[in-house]
Amino acid sequence: AQASALRELLAQVSFSAAFSSDLSRARQTAELVLQPRSLSVIESAALRERSAGNLEGQSTDFLDQGIRSFFMKEQSLIKEIYLKTAWHPELETTDSVFQRVINFLLPHANHH
């Protein structure tokens, strides 16, 4: 429903390219949003959501406790520390996510 609503919202916008993670649900969402355009979706693992390793599938109580504990520490409010650390060693850092997405998108930027 959200992808259909977005498709309607973007109906008058022209795109020169479309990108998605290589996960089927992301590609399917992108294809739905792009209809009726005949633009193909460029897929990449670099565009996947933030990896949480073994944390994926954990209870929200466990995750909430870890996140709350991390943000209660004053140092987590310092931008440089926040970007390069995560509240759990399994969690991909914000900086790592930024770097892999930027490294994927920059070569494409010249063409679009």
C-alpha atoms as a PDB file:
ATOM      1  CA  ALA A   1       0.000   0.000   0.000  1.00  0.00           C
ATOM      2  CA  GLN A   2       2.840   2.412   0.843  1.00  0.00           C
ATOM      3  CA  ALA A   3       4.632   1.673  -2.445  1.00  0.00           C
ATOM      4  CA  SER A   4       1.397   2.264  -4.382  1.00  0.00           C
ATOM      5  CA  ALA A   5       0.854   5.559  -2.572  1.00  0.00           C
ATOM      6  CA  LEU A   6       4.424   6.592  -3.348  1.00  0.00           C
ATOM      7  CA  ARG A   7       3.938   5.646  -7.010  1.00  0.00           C
ATOM      8  CA  GLU A   8       0.944   8.005  -7.159  1.00  0.00           C
ATOM      9  CA  LEU A   9       2.859  10.773  -5.404  1.00  0.00           C
ATOM     10  CA  LEU A  10       5.777  10.455  -7.866  1.00  0.00           C
ATOM     11  CA  ALA A  11       3.655   9.895 -10.987  1.00  0.00           C
ATOM     12  CA  GLN A  12       4.752  13.178 -12.605  1.00  0.00           C
ATOM     13  CA  VAL A  13       8.437  12.843 -11.696  1.00  0.00           C
ATOM     14  CA  SER A  14      10.778  11.596 -14.402  1.00  0.00           C
ATOM     15  CA  PHE A  15      13.697   9.413 -13.411  1.00  0.00           C
ATOM     16  CA  SER A  16      16.935   8.758 -15.275  1.00  0.00           C
ATOM     17  CA  ALA A  17      17.824   5.797 -13.061  1.00  0.00           C
ATOM     18  CA  ALA A  18      16.449   3.680 -10.260  1.00  0.00           C
ATOM     19  CA  PHE A  19      18.483   1.896  -7.609  1.00  0.00           C
ATOM     20  CA  SER A  20      17.610  -0.742  -5.056  1.00  0.00           C
ATOM     21  CA  SER A  21      19.255  -3.187  -2.734  1.00  0.00           C
ATOM     22  CA  ASP A  22      19.597  -6.665  -4.178  1.00  0.00           C
ATOM     23  CA  LEU A  23      16.979  -8.056  -1.809  1.00  0.00           C
ATOM     24  CA  SER A  24      13.869  -9.176  -3.676  1.00  0.00           C
ATOM     25  CA  ARG A  25      11.454  -7.201  -1.484  1.00  0.00           C
ATOM     26  CA  ALA A  26      13.363  -3.969  -2.147  1.00  0.00           C
ATOM     27  CA  ARG A  27      13.508  -4.599  -5.901  1.00  0.00           C
ATOM     28  CA  GLN A  28       9.798  -5.444  -5.986  1.00  0.00           C
ATOM     29  CA  THR A  29       8.985  -2.229  -4.121  1.00  0.00           C
ATOM     30  CA  ALA A  30      11.111  -0.182  -6.533  1.00  0.00           C
ATOM     31  CA  GLU A  31       9.451  -1.810  -9.538  1.00  0.00           C
ATOM     32  CA  LEU A  32       6.009  -1.069  -8.125  1.00  0.00           C
ATOM     33  CA  VAL A  33       6.900   2.570  -7.481  1.00  0.00           C
ATOM     34  CA  LEU A  34       8.277   2.938 -11.013  1.00  0.00           C
ATOM     35  CA  GLN A  35       5.162   1.604 -12.803  1.00  0.00           C
ATOM     36  CA  PRO A  36       4.225   2.321 -15.575  1.00  0.00           C
ATOM     37  CA  ARG A  37       7.728   3.517 -16.480  1.00  0.00           C
ATOM     38  CA  SER A  38       9.921   1.049 -18.364  1.00  0.00           C
ATOM     39  CA  LEU A  39      12.997   1.896 -16.321  1.00  0.00           C
ATOM     40  CA  SER A  40      14.991  -1.053 -15.039  1.00  0.00           C
ATOM     41  CA  VAL A  41      16.201  -1.137 -11.453  1.00  0.00           C
ATOM     42  CA  ILE A  42      19.948  -1.290 -10.786  1.00  0.00           C
ATOM     43  CA  GLU A  43      20.476  -3.591  -7.811  1.00  0.00           C
ATOM     44  CA  SER A  44      23.378  -3.727  -5.373  1.00  0.00           C
ATOM     45  CA  ALA A  45      24.164  -5.307  -2.031  1.00  0.00           C
ATOM     46  CA  ALA A  46      25.751  -1.952  -1.141  1.00  0.00           C
ATOM     47  CA  LEU A  47      22.243  -0.531  -0.810  1.00  0.00           C
ATOM     48  CA  ARG A  48      21.052  -3.040   1.765  1.00  0.00           C
ATOM     49  CA  GLU A  49      19.743  -1.819   5.080  1.00  0.00           C
ATOM     50  CA  ARG A  50      22.048  -1.562   8.077  1.00  0.00           C
ATOM     51  CA  SER A  51      23.355  -4.958   9.084  1.00  0.00           C
ATOM     52  CA  ALA A  52      22.657  -6.084  12.614  1.00  0.00           C
ATOM     53  CA  GLY A  53      24.304  -9.497  12.436  1.00  0.00           C
ATOM     54  CA  ASN A  54      23.068 -11.841  15.156  1.00  0.00           C
ATOM     55  CA  LEU A  55      20.916  -9.059  16.618  1.00  0.00           C
ATOM     56  CA  GLU A  56      18.430  -9.532  13.808  1.00  0.00           C
ATOM     57  CA  GLY A  57      15.419 -11.362  15.160  1.00  0.00           C
ATOM     58  CA  GLN A  58      16.055 -10.395  18.802  1.00  0.00           C
ATOM     59  CA  SER A  59      13.204  -9.174  20.987  1.00  0.00           C
ATOM     60  CA  THR A  60      12.396  -5.488  21.055  1.00  0.00           C
ATOM     61  CA  ASP A  61      12.918  -5.438  24.837  1.00  0.00           C
ATOM     62  CA  PHE A  62      16.520  -6.600  24.385  1.00  0.00           C
ATOM     63  CA  LEU A  63      17.131  -4.054  21.624  1.00  0.00           C
ATOM     64  CA  ASP A  64      15.454  -1.186  23.469  1.00  0.00           C
ATOM     65  CA  GLN A  65      17.579  -1.841  26.550  1.00  0.00           C
ATOM     66  CA  GLY A  66      20.819  -1.823  24.545  1.00  0.00           C
ATOM     67  CA  ILE A  67      19.920   1.288  22.589  1.00  0.00           C
ATOM     68  CA  ARG A  68      18.777   3.164  25.684  1.00  0.00           C
ATOM     69  CA  SER A  69      21.980   2.254  27.515  1.00  0.00           C
ATOM     70  CA  PHE A  70      24.121   3.484  24.602  1.00  0.00           C
ATOM     71  CA  PHE A  71      22.346   6.819  24.300  1.00  0.00           C
ATOM     72  CA  MET A  72      22.479   7.459  28.045  1.00  0.00           C
ATOM     73  CA  LYS A  73      26.250   7.763  27.742  1.00  0.00           C
ATOM     74  CA  GLU A  74      27.279  11.350  27.098  1.00  0.00           C
ATOM     75  CA  GLN A  75      29.947  10.370  24.563  1.00  0.00           C
ATOM     76  CA  SER A  76      27.294   8.921  22.228  1.00  0.00           C
ATOM     77  CA  LEU A  77      26.135  12.489  21.662  1.00  0.00           C
ATOM     78  CA  ILE A  78      29.462  13.470  20.090  1.00  0.00           C
ATOM     79  CA  LYS A  79      28.898  13.206  16.347  1.00  0.00           C
ATOM     80  CA  GLU A  80      32.253  11.637  15.470  1.00  0.00           C
ATOM     81  CA  ILE A  81      31.880   8.955  18.134  1.00  0.00           C
ATOM     82  CA  TYR A  82      28.254   8.262  17.228  1.00  0.00           C
ATOM     83  CA  LEU A  83      29.047   7.819  13.525  1.00  0.00           C
ATOM     84  CA  LYS A  84      31.965   5.446  14.066  1.00  0.00           C
ATOM     85  CA  THR A  85      30.596   3.304  16.893  1.00  0.00           C
ATOM     86  CA  ALA A  86      27.508   1.221  17.509  1.00  0.00           C
ATOM     87  CA  TRP A  87      25.835   0.174  20.720  1.00  0.00           C
ATOM     88  CA  HIS A  88      26.567  -3.472  19.932  1.00  0.00           C
ATOM     89  CA  PRO A  89      29.550  -5.038  18.106  1.00  0.00           C
ATOM     90  CA  GLU A  90      27.195  -6.925  15.741  1.00  0.00           C
ATOM     91  CA  LEU A  91      25.618  -3.671  14.543  1.00  0.00           C
ATOM     92  CA  GLU A  92      27.073  -1.970  11.474  1.00  0.00           C
ATOM     93  CA  THR A  93      28.163   1.596  12.232  1.00  0.00           C
ATOM     94  CA  THR A  94      26.431   4.579  10.667  1.00  0.00           C
ATOM     95  CA  ASP A  95      29.737   5.582   9.070  1.00  0.00           C
ATOM     96  CA  SER A  96      30.073   2.153   7.451  1.00  0.00           C
ATOM     97  CA  VAL A  97      26.573   2.416   5.970  1.00  0.00           C
ATOM     98  CA  PHE A  98      27.317   5.890   4.612  1.00  0.00           C
ATOM     99  CA  GLN A  99      30.607   4.774   3.080  1.00  0.00           C
ATOM    100  CA  ARG A 100      29.245   1.741   1.244  1.00  0.00           C
ATOM    101  CA  VAL A 101      26.259   3.656  -0.134  1.00  0.00           C
ATOM    102  CA  ILE A 102      28.401   6.609  -1.218  1.00  0.00           C
ATOM    103  CA  ASN A 103      30.986   4.293  -2.811  1.00  0.00           C
ATOM    104  CA  PHE A 104      28.187   2.714  -4.837  1.00  0.00           C
ATOM    105  CA  LEU A 105      26.393   5.920  -5.830  1.00  0.00           C
ATOM    106  CA  LEU A 106      29.324   8.193  -6.720  1.00  0.00           C
ATOM    107  CA  PRO A 107      30.305   6.342  -9.918  1.00  0.00           C
ATOM    108  CA  HIS A 108      26.645   6.470 -11.030  1.00  0.00           C
ATOM    109  CA  ALA A 109      26.257  10.181 -10.282  1.00  0.00           C
ATOM    110  CA  ASN A 110      28.255  11.211 -13.362  1.00  0.00           C
ATOM    111  CA  HIS A 111      25.801   9.362 -15.622  1.00  0.00           C
ATOM    112  CA  HIS A 112      22.607  10.682 -14.054  1.00  0.00           C
END
